[in-house]
Amino acid sequence: MRILTKAELTSKSILLSRDHLKKKSTNYRNNTQPSNYVVLTFIFISIKKTHFNE
């Protein structure tokens, strides 16, 4: 088994999380708005950016 580089690991995790979000949004589309996930991801990204800028 080949050791993955950091870039490959991050791209893999991004793809996995994207698939997970797609599944979740399709599951919850009937009960809740998918916009909730968009808002959550934006909040998460902004927190990450501010954390790394310090």
Protein backbone atom coordinates (compact mmCIF):
# COMPACT_ATOMS: atom_id res chain seq x y z
CA MET A 1 0.00 0.00 0.00
CA ARG A 2 1.33 3.40 -1.02
CA ILE A 3 1.42 6.24 1.51
CA LEU A 4 -0.83 9.11 0.44
CA THR A 5 0.50 12.66 0.32
CA LYS A 6 -1.23 15.39 2.30
CA ALA A 7 -2.77 16.92 -0.85
CA GLU A 8 -4.24 13.57 -1.88
CA LEU A 9 -5.66 13.03 1.62
CA THR A 10 -7.31 16.47 1.68
CA SER A 11 -8.80 16.04 -1.79
CA LYS A 12 -10.11 12.61 -0.78
CA SER A 13 -11.67 13.95 2.42
CA ILE A 14 -13.24 16.86 0.49
CA LEU A 15 -14.76 14.40 -2.00
CA LEU A 16 -16.03 12.16 0.81
CA SER A 17 -17.57 15.05 2.73
CA ARG A 18 -19.16 16.37 -0.47
CA ASP A 19 -20.76 12.97 -1.12
CA HIS A 20 -21.89 12.83 2.50
CA LEU A 21 -23.46 16.29 2.27
CA LYS A 22 -25.21 15.35 -0.98
CA LYS A 23 -26.68 12.24 0.65
CA LYS A 24 -27.72 14.17 3.74
CA SER A 25 -29.31 17.00 1.76
CA THR A 26 -31.28 14.53 -0.36
CA ASN A 27 -32.39 12.72 2.80
CA TYR A 28 -33.46 15.90 4.57
CA ARG A 29 -34.86 17.74 1.55
CA ASN A 30 -38.38 16.61 2.46
CA ASN A 31 -38.29 17.85 6.07
CA THR A 32 -35.77 20.72 6.13
CA GLN A 33 -34.28 23.18 3.65
CA PRO A 34 -30.90 22.23 2.14
CA SER A 35 -29.85 25.87 2.61
CA ASN A 36 -29.10 25.01 6.26
CA TYR A 37 -26.10 22.94 5.14
CA VAL A 38 -24.84 25.75 2.91
CA VAL A 39 -25.02 28.17 5.84
CA LEU A 40 -23.22 25.70 8.13
CA THR A 41 -20.43 25.10 5.63
CA PHE A 42 -19.94 28.85 5.12
CA ILE A 43 -19.76 29.39 8.89
CA PHE A 44 -17.23 26.56 9.18
CA ILE A 45 -15.09 27.94 6.35
CA SER A 46 -15.10 31.46 7.82
CA ILE A 47 -14.12 30.14 11.27
CA LYS A 48 -11.26 28.16 9.69
CA LYS A 49 -10.04 31.19 7.73
CA THR A 50 -10.03 33.48 10.76
CA HIS A 51 -8.30 30.80 12.85
CA PHE A 52 -5.47 30.35 10.34
CA ASN A 53 -5.00 34.08 9.75
CA GLU A 54 -4.12 34.71 13.41
